[in-house]
Amino acid sequence: MPIPRIDVVRARVLKLCGDDQEHTYKEMEGRVVSDLGLTADELAEKLPNGRTKSLPNRVFWSFQIGRAH
């Protein structure tokens, strides 16, 4: 299974942000990994640029959106 699209990751991050508690980026990344049951191979998936891992990138941008709200 490939890493979910950003809208799926964003929904999970925003749900976590909605509990009025402070969360770190790493905590959110860990929760997304746990919630989706991602494997090591899936976590190694990279963006087309070949340098950036997909999941951390998607969680990062979702986290930024959550902080803005």
C-alpha atoms as a PDB file:
ATOM      1  CA  MET A   1       0.000   0.000   0.000  1.00  0.00           C
ATOM      2  CA  PRO A   2       1.502   3.368  -0.907  1.00  0.00           C
ATOM      3  CA  ILE A   3       1.563   6.259   1.543  1.00  0.00           C
ATOM      4  CA  PRO A   4      -1.937   7.796   1.605  1.00  0.00           C
ATOM      5  CA  ARG A   5      -2.629  10.996  -0.260  1.00  0.00           C
ATOM      6  CA  ILE A   6      -2.139  14.245   1.599  1.00  0.00           C
ATOM      7  CA  ASP A   7      -5.871  14.737   2.174  1.00  0.00           C
ATOM      8  CA  VAL A   8      -6.011  11.470   4.163  1.00  0.00           C
ATOM      9  CA  VAL A   9      -2.951  12.407   6.218  1.00  0.00           C
ATOM     10  CA  ARG A  10      -4.259  15.964   6.710  1.00  0.00           C
ATOM     11  CA  ALA A  11      -7.595  14.678   8.043  1.00  0.00           C
ATOM     12  CA  ARG A  12      -5.813  12.592  10.690  1.00  0.00           C
ATOM     13  CA  VAL A  13      -3.504  15.442  11.694  1.00  0.00           C
ATOM     14  CA  LEU A  14      -6.351  17.961  11.894  1.00  0.00           C
ATOM     15  CA  LYS A  15      -8.384  15.543  14.002  1.00  0.00           C
ATOM     16  CA  LEU A  16      -5.469  15.300  16.430  1.00  0.00           C
ATOM     17  CA  CYS A  17      -5.089  19.109  16.446  1.00  0.00           C
ATOM     18  CA  GLY A  18      -8.780  19.413  17.294  1.00  0.00           C
ATOM     19  CA  ASP A  19      -8.386  18.072  20.841  1.00  0.00           C
ATOM     20  CA  ASP A  20      -7.091  21.451  22.120  1.00  0.00           C
ATOM     21  CA  GLN A  21      -3.853  19.851  23.337  1.00  0.00           C
ATOM     22  CA  GLU A  22      -0.350  20.644  22.166  1.00  0.00           C
ATOM     23  CA  HIS A  23       1.249  18.001  19.970  1.00  0.00           C
ATOM     24  CA  THR A  24       4.696  17.796  18.462  1.00  0.00           C
ATOM     25  CA  TYR A  25       5.311  17.062  14.827  1.00  0.00           C
ATOM     26  CA  LYS A  26       6.950  13.748  15.751  1.00  0.00           C
ATOM     27  CA  GLU A  27       3.956  12.758  17.882  1.00  0.00           C
ATOM     28  CA  MET A  28       1.643  13.438  14.963  1.00  0.00           C
ATOM     29  CA  GLU A  29       3.842  11.479  12.588  1.00  0.00           C
ATOM     30  CA  GLY A  30       3.868   8.546  15.007  1.00  0.00           C
ATOM     31  CA  ARG A  31       0.084   8.635  15.360  1.00  0.00           C
ATOM     32  CA  VAL A  32      -0.412   8.641  11.586  1.00  0.00           C
ATOM     33  CA  VAL A  33       1.972   5.674  11.224  1.00  0.00           C
ATOM     34  CA  SER A  34       0.150   3.819  13.988  1.00  0.00           C
ATOM     35  CA  ASP A  35      -3.362   4.675  12.762  1.00  0.00           C
ATOM     36  CA  LEU A  36      -2.583   3.592   9.211  1.00  0.00           C
ATOM     37  CA  GLY A  37      -0.475   0.567  10.150  1.00  0.00           C
ATOM     38  CA  LEU A  38       2.307   1.541   7.755  1.00  0.00           C
ATOM     39  CA  THR A  39       5.200  -0.821   7.111  1.00  0.00           C
ATOM     40  CA  ALA A  40       8.918  -0.002   6.988  1.00  0.00           C
ATOM     41  CA  ASP A  41       8.832  -0.289   3.184  1.00  0.00           C
ATOM     42  CA  GLU A  42       5.955   2.165   2.995  1.00  0.00           C
ATOM     43  CA  LEU A  43       7.753   4.569   5.332  1.00  0.00           C
ATOM     44  CA  ALA A  44      10.803   4.437   3.040  1.00  0.00           C
ATOM     45  CA  GLU A  45       8.749   5.690   0.064  1.00  0.00           C
ATOM     46  CA  LYS A  46      10.143   8.930  -1.345  1.00  0.00           C
ATOM     47  CA  LEU A  47       8.699  11.818  -3.306  1.00  0.00           C
ATOM     48  CA  PRO A  48       9.530  12.052  -7.014  1.00  0.00           C
ATOM     49  CA  ASN A  49      12.567  14.218  -6.187  1.00  0.00           C
ATOM     50  CA  GLY A  50      14.123  11.057  -4.691  1.00  0.00           C
ATOM     51  CA  ARG A  51      15.425  12.815  -1.578  1.00  0.00           C
ATOM     52  CA  THR A  52      12.413  13.487   0.626  1.00  0.00           C
ATOM     53  CA  LYS A  53      10.394  10.744   2.293  1.00  0.00           C
ATOM     54  CA  SER A  54       6.690  10.962   1.484  1.00  0.00           C
ATOM     55  CA  LEU A  55       5.095  10.548   4.900  1.00  0.00           C
ATOM     56  CA  PRO A  56       7.189  13.088   6.838  1.00  0.00           C
ATOM     57  CA  ASN A  57       6.573  15.585   4.042  1.00  0.00           C
ATOM     58  CA  ARG A  58       2.809  15.055   4.132  1.00  0.00           C
ATOM     59  CA  VAL A  59       2.659  15.185   7.929  1.00  0.00           C
ATOM     60  CA  PHE A  60       4.787  18.345   7.949  1.00  0.00           C
ATOM     61  CA  TRP A  61       2.473  20.208   5.584  1.00  0.00           C
ATOM     62  CA  SER A  62      -0.601  18.921   7.367  1.00  0.00           C
ATOM     63  CA  PHE A  63       0.909  20.017  10.692  1.00  0.00           C
ATOM     64  CA  GLN A  64       1.521  23.509   9.293  1.00  0.00           C
ATOM     65  CA  ILE A  65      -2.107  23.728   8.193  1.00  0.00           C
ATOM     66  CA  GLY A  66      -3.255  22.535  11.640  1.00  0.00           C
ATOM     67  CA  ARG A  67      -1.141  25.150  13.400  1.00  0.00           C
ATOM     68  CA  ALA A  68      -2.646  27.881  11.241  1.00  0.00           C
ATOM     69  CA  HIS A  69      -6.177  27.031  12.359  1.00  0.00           C
END
